[in-house]
Amino acid sequence: MGIGGIGIWQLLIVLLIVVMLFGTKKLRNIGSDLGGALKGFKTAMKDDESKDSAATEESEESNASTGETIDATPEKED
């Protein structure tokens, strides 16, 4: 038994049907488009993380130079 009760032969039959319906050229184009989209998403996430860390470092440096400390916890009102 394979994944979720699907055997290797069932997967090969489904793969054969998909190739027959779409053709190898169209499947290759879909694969490259999907790969490009994932690569773009990965670089966007990396850029976003670097911007967040740079902004955090700048605020820490400016607070250190002025001698201020900022408490990030919200105050409760009674």
PDB file of N, CA and C in Angstrom:
ATOM      1  N   MET A   1       0.845  -1.193   0.000  1.00  0.00           N
ATOM      2  CA  MET A   1       0.000   0.000   0.000  1.00  0.00           C
ATOM      3  C   MET A   1       0.876   1.236   0.000  1.00  0.00           C
ATOM      4  N   GLY A   2       0.416   2.232  -0.683  1.00  0.00           N
ATOM      5  CA  GLY A   2       1.158   3.485  -0.783  1.00  0.00           C
ATOM      6  C   GLY A   2       0.543   4.536   0.116  1.00  0.00           C
ATOM      7  N   ILE A   3       0.508   5.732  -0.380  1.00  0.00           N
ATOM      8  CA  ILE A   3       0.001   6.875   0.357  1.00  0.00           C
ATOM      9  C   ILE A   3      -1.516   6.810   0.427  1.00  0.00           C
ATOM     10  N   GLY A   4      -2.066   6.739   1.629  1.00  0.00           N
ATOM     11  CA  GLY A   4      -3.517   6.767   1.803  1.00  0.00           C
ATOM     12  C   GLY A   4      -4.232   5.606   1.124  1.00  0.00           C
ATOM     13  N   GLY A   5      -3.577   4.468   0.997  1.00  0.00           N
ATOM     14  CA  GLY A   5      -4.205   3.308   0.384  1.00  0.00           C
ATOM     15  C   GLY A   5      -4.096   3.294  -1.133  1.00  0.00           C
ATOM     16  N   ILE A   6      -3.347   4.225  -1.701  1.00  0.00           N
ATOM     17  CA  ILE A   6      -3.157   4.259  -3.150  1.00  0.00           C
ATOM     18  C   ILE A   6      -1.821   3.602  -3.452  1.00  0.00           C
ATOM     19  N   GLY A   7      -1.843   2.612  -4.325  1.00  0.00           N
ATOM     20  CA  GLY A   7      -0.628   1.891  -4.672  1.00  0.00           C
ATOM     21  C   GLY A   7       0.141   2.581  -5.776  1.00  0.00           C
ATOM     22  N   ILE A   8       1.323   2.049  -6.061  1.00  0.00           N
ATOM     23  CA  ILE A   8       2.195   2.623  -7.076  1.00  0.00           C
ATOM     24  C   ILE A   8       1.559   2.507  -8.457  1.00  0.00           C
ATOM     25  N   TRP A   9       0.828   1.425  -8.704  1.00  0.00           N
ATOM     26  CA  TRP A   9       0.226   1.248 -10.026  1.00  0.00           C
ATOM     27  C   TRP A   9      -0.870   2.270 -10.280  1.00  0.00           C
ATOM     28  N   GLN A  10      -1.652   2.591  -9.255  1.00  0.00           N
ATOM     29  CA  GLN A  10      -2.688   3.607  -9.417  1.00  0.00           C
ATOM     30  C   GLN A  10      -2.067   4.982  -9.704  1.00  0.00           C
ATOM     31  N   LEU A  11      -0.968   5.288  -9.013  1.00  0.00           N
ATOM     32  CA  LEU A  11      -0.281   6.560  -9.247  1.00  0.00           C
ATOM     33  C   LEU A  11       0.284   6.637 -10.666  1.00  0.00           C
ATOM     34  N   LEU A  12       0.833   5.529 -11.164  1.00  0.00           N
ATOM     35  CA  LEU A  12       1.363   5.515 -12.526  1.00  0.00           C
ATOM     36  C   LEU A  12       0.263   5.685 -13.563  1.00  0.00           C
ATOM     37  N   ILE A  13      -0.886   5.089 -13.314  1.00  0.00           N
ATOM     38  CA  ILE A  13      -2.014   5.237 -14.235  1.00  0.00           C
ATOM     39  C   ILE A  13      -2.502   6.680 -14.255  1.00  0.00           C
ATOM     40  N   VAL A  14      -2.611   7.303 -13.100  1.00  0.00           N
ATOM     41  CA  VAL A  14      -3.031   8.707 -13.027  1.00  0.00           C
ATOM     42  C   VAL A  14      -2.011   9.586 -13.738  1.00  0.00           C
ATOM     43  N   LEU A  15      -0.725   9.345 -13.526  1.00  0.00           N
ATOM     44  CA  LEU A  15       0.323  10.105 -14.195  1.00  0.00           C
ATOM     45  C   LEU A  15       0.237   9.951 -15.710  1.00  0.00           C
ATOM     46  N   LEU A  16      -0.003   8.740 -16.191  1.00  0.00           N
ATOM     47  CA  LEU A  16      -0.145   8.491 -17.621  1.00  0.00           C
ATOM     48  C   LEU A  16      -1.340   9.248 -18.202  1.00  0.00           C
ATOM     49  N   ILE A  17      -2.452   9.272 -17.492  1.00  0.00           N
ATOM     50  CA  ILE A  17      -3.641   9.991 -17.952  1.00  0.00           C
ATOM     51  C   ILE A  17      -3.370  11.492 -18.006  1.00  0.00           C
ATOM     52  N   VAL A  18      -2.699  12.030 -16.998  1.00  0.00           N
ATOM     53  CA  VAL A  18      -2.391  13.460 -16.971  1.00  0.00           C
ATOM     54  C   VAL A  18      -1.476  13.831 -18.135  1.00  0.00           C
ATOM     55  N   VAL A  19      -0.465  13.000 -18.403  1.00  0.00           N
ATOM     56  CA  VAL A  19       0.444  13.262 -19.522  1.00  0.00           C
ATOM     57  C   VAL A  19      -0.309  13.198 -20.841  1.00  0.00           C
ATOM     58  N   MET A  20      -1.232  12.253 -20.972  1.00  0.00           N
ATOM     59  CA  MET A  20      -1.999  12.140 -22.211  1.00  0.00           C
ATOM     60  C   MET A  20      -2.935  13.330 -22.407  1.00  0.00           C
ATOM     61  N   LEU A  21      -3.501  13.847 -21.326  1.00  0.00           N
ATOM     62  CA  LEU A  21      -4.427  14.973 -21.436  1.00  0.00           C
ATOM     63  C   LEU A  21      -3.711  16.279 -21.763  1.00  0.00           C
ATOM     64  N   PHE A  22      -2.629  16.561 -21.067  1.00  0.00           N
ATOM     65  CA  PHE A  22      -1.983  17.863 -21.189  1.00  0.00           C
ATOM     66  C   PHE A  22      -0.773  17.859 -22.116  1.00  0.00           C
ATOM     67  N   GLY A  23      -0.100  16.771 -22.238  1.00  0.00           N
ATOM     68  CA  GLY A  23       1.110  16.723 -23.051  1.00  0.00           C
ATOM     69  C   GLY A  23       2.322  17.121 -22.241  1.00  0.00           C
ATOM     70  N   THR A  24       3.474  16.655 -22.659  1.00  0.00           N
ATOM     71  CA  THR A  24       4.694  16.902 -21.890  1.00  0.00           C
ATOM     72  C   THR A  24       5.132  18.361 -21.964  1.00  0.00           C
ATOM     73  N   LYS A  25       4.914  19.008 -23.108  1.00  0.00           N
ATOM     74  CA  LYS A  25       5.352  20.397 -23.247  1.00  0.00           C
ATOM     75  C   LYS A  25       4.575  21.311 -22.304  1.00  0.00           C
ATOM     76  N   LYS A  26       3.258  21.128 -22.240  1.00  0.00           N
ATOM     77  CA  LYS A  26       2.443  21.963 -21.360  1.00  0.00           C
ATOM     78  C   LYS A  26       2.783  21.686 -19.895  1.00  0.00           C
ATOM     79  N   LEU A  27       3.004  20.419 -19.547  1.00  0.00           N
ATOM     80  CA  LEU A  27       3.378  20.086 -18.169  1.00  0.00           C
ATOM     81  C   LEU A  27       4.732  20.693 -17.808  1.00  0.00           C
ATOM     82  N   ARG A  28       5.668  20.719 -18.763  1.00  0.00           N
ATOM     83  CA  ARG A  28       6.978  21.326 -18.522  1.00  0.00           C
ATOM     84  C   ARG A  28       6.826  22.824 -18.283  1.00  0.00           C
ATOM     85  N   ASN A  29       5.960  23.478 -19.069  1.00  0.00           N
ATOM     86  CA  ASN A  29       5.721  24.915 -18.883  1.00  0.00           C
ATOM     87  C   ASN A  29       5.072  25.198 -17.539  1.00  0.00           C
ATOM     88  N   ILE A  30       4.116  24.367 -17.151  1.00  0.00           N
ATOM     89  CA  ILE A  30       3.460  24.547 -15.854  1.00  0.00           C
ATOM     90  C   ILE A  30       4.480  24.377 -14.727  1.00  0.00           C
ATOM     91  N   GLY A  31       5.358  23.385 -14.855  1.00  0.00           N
ATOM     92  CA  GLY A  31       6.384  23.156 -13.842  1.00  0.00           C
ATOM     93  C   GLY A  31       7.350  24.315 -13.715  1.00  0.00           C
ATOM     94  N   SER A  32       7.761  24.861 -14.855  1.00  0.00           N
ATOM     95  CA  SER A  32       8.713  25.985 -14.790  1.00  0.00           C
ATOM     96  C   SER A  32       8.029  27.239 -14.245  1.00  0.00           C
ATOM     97  N   ASP A  33       6.759  27.451 -14.594  1.00  0.00           N
ATOM     98  CA  ASP A  33       6.027  28.597 -14.043  1.00  0.00           C
ATOM     99  C   ASP A  33       5.859  28.476 -12.535  1.00  0.00           C
ATOM    100  N   LEU A  34       5.550  27.273 -12.087  1.00  0.00           N
ATOM    101  CA  LEU A  34       5.388  27.040 -10.647  1.00  0.00           C
ATOM    102  C   LEU A  34       6.715  27.233  -9.920  1.00  0.00           C
ATOM    103  N   GLY A  35       7.802  26.744 -10.511  1.00  0.00           N
ATOM    104  CA  GLY A  35       9.128  26.928  -9.910  1.00  0.00           C
ATOM    105  C   GLY A  35       9.516  28.390  -9.824  1.00  0.00           C
ATOM    106  N   GLY A  36       9.213  29.153 -10.877  1.00  0.00           N
ATOM    107  CA  GLY A  36       9.520  30.583 -10.860  1.00  0.00           C
ATOM    108  C   GLY A  36       8.717  31.327  -9.807  1.00  0.00           C
ATOM    109  N   ALA A  37       7.453  30.928  -9.653  1.00  0.00           N
ATOM    110  CA  ALA A  37       6.606  31.565  -8.645  1.00  0.00           C
ATOM    111  C   ALA A  37       7.121  31.267  -7.239  1.00  0.00           C
ATOM    112  N   LEU A  38       7.536  30.036  -6.997  1.00  0.00           N
ATOM    113  CA  LEU A  38       8.078  29.677  -5.684  1.00  0.00           C
ATOM    114  C   LEU A  38       9.390  30.412  -5.409  1.00  0.00           C
ATOM    115  N   LYS A  39      10.215  30.561  -6.435  1.00  0.00           N
ATOM    116  CA  LYS A  39      11.484  31.277  -6.260  1.00  0.00           C
ATOM    117  C   LYS A  39      11.228  32.747  -5.939  1.00  0.00           C
ATOM    118  N   GLY A  40      10.260  33.359  -6.630  1.00  0.00           N
ATOM    119  CA  GLY A  40       9.907  34.748  -6.347  1.00  0.00           C
ATOM    120  C   GLY A  40       9.357  34.920  -4.945  1.00  0.00           C
ATOM    121  N   PHE A  41       8.523  33.981  -4.511  1.00  0.00           N
ATOM    122  CA  PHE A  41       7.968  34.031  -3.158  1.00  0.00           C
ATOM    123  C   PHE A  41       9.074  33.916  -2.114  1.00  0.00           C
ATOM    124  N   LYS A  42      10.029  33.026  -2.368  1.00  0.00           N
ATOM    125  CA  LYS A  42      11.129  32.818  -1.427  1.00  0.00           C
ATOM    126  C   LYS A  42      11.983  34.078  -1.295  1.00  0.00           C
ATOM    127  N   THR A  43      12.296  34.730  -2.415  1.00  0.00           N
ATOM    128  CA  THR A  43      13.106  35.951  -2.353  1.00  0.00           C
ATOM    129  C   THR A  43      12.328  37.093  -1.698  1.00  0.00           C
ATOM    130  N   ALA A  44      11.021  37.151  -1.925  1.00  0.00           N
ATOM    131  CA  ALA A  44      10.214  38.191  -1.286  1.00  0.00           C
ATOM    132  C   ALA A  44      10.182  38.000   0.224  1.00  0.00           C
ATOM    133  N   MET A  45      10.070  36.763   0.672  1.00  0.00           N
ATOM    134  CA  MET A  45      10.083  36.492   2.106  1.00  0.00           C
ATOM    135  C   MET A  45      11.437  36.850   2.719  1.00  0.00           C
ATOM    136  N   LYS A  46      12.522  36.548   1.992  1.00  0.00           N
ATOM    137  CA  LYS A  46      13.854  36.852   2.491  1.00  0.00           C
ATOM    138  C   LYS A  46      14.059  38.367   2.583  1.00  0.00           C
ATOM    139  N   ASP A  47      13.586  39.104   1.568  1.00  0.00           N
ATOM    140  CA  ASP A  47      13.691  40.558   1.579  1.00  0.00           C
ATOM    141  C   ASP A  47      12.890  41.163   2.723  1.00  0.00           C
ATOM    142  N   ASP A  48      11.703  40.624   2.970  1.00  0.00           N
ATOM    143  CA  ASP A  48      10.848  41.123   4.037  1.00  0.00           C
ATOM    144  C   ASP A  48      11.499  40.900   5.398  1.00  0.00           C
ATOM    145  N   GLU A  49      12.099  39.736   5.586  1.00  0.00           N
ATOM    146  CA  GLU A  49      12.771  39.458   6.855  1.00  0.00           C
ATOM    147  C   GLU A  49      13.965  40.386   7.059  1.00  0.00           C
ATOM    148  N   SER A  50      14.706  40.662   5.996  1.00  0.00           N
ATOM    149  CA  SER A  50      15.872  41.533   6.143  1.00  0.00           C
ATOM    150  C   SER A  50      15.448  42.968   6.444  1.00  0.00           C
ATOM    151  N   LYS A  51      14.318  43.422   5.868  1.00  0.00           N
ATOM    152  CA  LYS A  51      13.810  44.765   6.167  1.00  0.00           C
ATOM    153  C   LYS A  51      13.361  44.858   7.616  1.00  0.00           C
ATOM    154  N   ASP A  52      12.688  43.814   8.113  1.00  0.00           N
ATOM    155  CA  ASP A  52      12.235  43.817   9.501  1.00  0.00           C
ATOM    156  C   ASP A  52      13.414  43.840  10.467  1.00  0.00           C
ATOM    157  N   SER A  53      14.437  43.037  10.194  1.00  0.00           N
ATOM    158  CA  SER A  53      15.586  43.003  11.099  1.00  0.00           C
ATOM    159  C   SER A  53      16.361  44.319  11.042  1.00  0.00           C
ATOM    160  N   ALA A  54      16.439  44.928   9.862  1.00  0.00           N
ATOM    161  CA  ALA A  54      17.143  46.214   9.739  1.00  0.00           C
ATOM    162  C   ALA A  54      16.388  47.304  10.496  1.00  0.00           C
ATOM    163  N   ALA A  55      15.066  47.313  10.422  1.00  0.00           N
ATOM    164  CA  ALA A  55      14.273  48.311  11.133  1.00  0.00           C
ATOM    165  C   ALA A  55      14.405  48.120  12.645  1.00  0.00           C
ATOM    166  N   THR A  56      14.449  46.880  13.098  1.00  0.00           N
ATOM    167  CA  THR A  56      14.603  46.601  14.520  1.00  0.00           C
ATOM    168  C   THR A  56      15.975  47.068  15.009  1.00  0.00           C
ATOM    169  N   GLU A  57      17.018  46.798  14.223  1.00  0.00           N
ATOM    170  CA  GLU A  57      18.361  47.221  14.608  1.00  0.00           C
ATOM    171  C   GLU A  57      18.475  48.748  14.650  1.00  0.00           C
ATOM    172  N   GLU A  58      17.849  49.436  13.694  1.00  0.00           N
ATOM    173  CA  GLU A  58      17.891  50.901  13.686  1.00  0.00           C
ATOM    174  C   GLU A  58      17.208  51.480  14.914  1.00  0.00           C
ATOM    175  N   SER A  59      16.070  50.924  15.284  1.00  0.00           N
ATOM    176  CA  SER A  59      15.359  51.457  16.446  1.00  0.00           C
ATOM    177  C   SER A  59      16.130  51.183  17.729  1.00  0.00           C
ATOM    178  N   GLU A  60      16.791  50.022  17.807  1.00  0.00           N
ATOM    179  CA  GLU A  60      17.597  49.724  18.985  1.00  0.00           C
ATOM    180  C   GLU A  60      18.796  50.655  19.075  1.00  0.00           C
ATOM    181  N   GLU A  61      19.412  50.955  17.925  1.00  0.00           N
ATOM    182  CA  GLU A  61      20.567  51.855  17.929  1.00  0.00           C
ATOM    183  C   GLU A  61      20.166  53.277  18.311  1.00  0.00           C
ATOM    184  N   SER A  62      19.021  53.738  17.819  1.00  0.00           N
ATOM    185  CA  SER A  62      18.595  55.097  18.153  1.00  0.00           C
ATOM    186  C   SER A  62      18.201  55.187  19.623  1.00  0.00           C
ATOM    187  N   ASN A  63      17.601  54.138  20.159  1.00  0.00           N
ATOM    188  CA  ASN A  63      17.258  54.130  21.578  1.00  0.00           C
ATOM    189  C   ASN A  63      18.517  54.096  22.442  1.00  0.00           C
ATOM    190  N   ALA A  64      19.538  53.369  21.999  1.00  0.00           N
ATOM    191  CA  ALA A  64      20.779  53.281  22.764  1.00  0.00           C
ATOM    192  C   ALA A  64      21.513  54.618  22.740  1.00  0.00           C
ATOM    193  N   SER A  65      21.463  55.328  21.632  1.00  0.00           N
ATOM    194  CA  SER A  65      22.184  56.597  21.554  1.00  0.00           C
ATOM    195  C   SER A  65      21.506  57.684  22.377  1.00  0.00           C
ATOM    196  N   THR A  66      20.181  57.639  22.540  1.00  0.00           N
ATOM    197  CA  THR A  66      19.479  58.639  23.338  1.00  0.00           C
ATOM    198  C   THR A  66      19.374  58.236  24.796  1.00  0.00           C
ATOM    199  N   GLY A  67      19.665  56.957  25.081  1.00  0.00           N
ATOM    200  CA  GLY A  67      19.590  56.491  26.458  1.00  0.00           C
ATOM    201  C   GLY A  67      18.182  56.128  26.884  1.00  0.00           C
ATOM    202  N   GLU A  68      17.270  56.056  25.961  1.00  0.00           N
ATOM    203  CA  GLU A  68      15.894  55.716  26.293  1.00  0.00           C
ATOM    204  C   GLU A  68      15.712  54.203  26.287  1.00  0.00           C
ATOM    205  N   THR A  69      14.815  53.761  27.136  1.00  0.00           N
ATOM    206  CA  THR A  69      14.415  52.362  27.096  1.00  0.00           C
ATOM    207  C   THR A  69      12.911  52.334  26.863  1.00  0.00           C
ATOM    208  N   ILE A  70      12.495  51.407  26.062  1.00  0.00           N
ATOM    209  CA  ILE A  70      11.080  51.298  25.731  1.00  0.00           C
ATOM    210  C   ILE A  70      10.566  49.970  26.251  1.00  0.00           C
ATOM    211  N   ASP A  71       9.492  50.034  27.024  1.00  0.00           N
ATOM    212  CA  ASP A  71       8.852  48.835  27.533  1.00  0.00           C
ATOM    213  C   ASP A  71       7.788  48.414  26.525  1.00  0.00           C
ATOM    214  N   ALA A  72       7.907  47.200  26.004  1.00  0.00           N
ATOM    215  CA  ALA A  72       6.993  46.741  24.956  1.00  0.00           C
ATOM    216  C   ALA A  72       5.715  46.152  25.524  1.00  0.00           C
ATOM    217  N   THR A  73       5.628  46.019  26.845  1.00  0.00           N
ATOM    218  CA  THR A  73       4.420  45.435  27.423  1.00  0.00           C
ATOM    219  C   THR A  73       3.369  46.522  27.647  1.00  0.00           C
ATOM    220  N   PRO A  74       2.127  46.236  27.287  1.00  0.00           N
ATOM    221  CA  PRO A  74       1.071  47.242  27.468  1.00  0.00           C
ATOM    222  C   PRO A  74       0.735  47.408  28.945  1.00  0.00           C
ATOM    223  N   GLU A  75       0.366  48.611  29.316  1.00  0.00           N
ATOM    224  CA  GLU A  75       0.012  48.886  30.701  1.00  0.00           C
ATOM    225  C   GLU A  75      -1.461  48.588  30.927  1.00  0.00           C
ATOM    226  N   LYS A  76      -1.780  48.036  32.108  1.00  0.00           N
ATOM    227  CA  LYS A  76      -3.166  47.748  32.459  1.00  0.00           C
ATOM    228  C   LYS A  76      -3.734  48.906  33.241  1.00  0.00           C
ATOM    229  N   GLU A  77      -4.960  49.227  32.910  1.00  0.00           N
ATOM    230  CA  GLU A  77      -5.664  50.257  33.676  1.00  0.00           C
ATOM    231  C   GLU A  77      -6.644  49.571  34.614  1.00  0.00           C
ATOM    232  N   ASP A  78      -6.667  50.001  35.877  1.00  0.00           N
ATOM    233  CA  ASP A  78      -7.606  49.398  36.856  1.00  0.00           C
ATOM    234  C   ASP A  78      -8.904  50.155  36.906  1.00  0.00           C
TER     235      ASP A  78
END
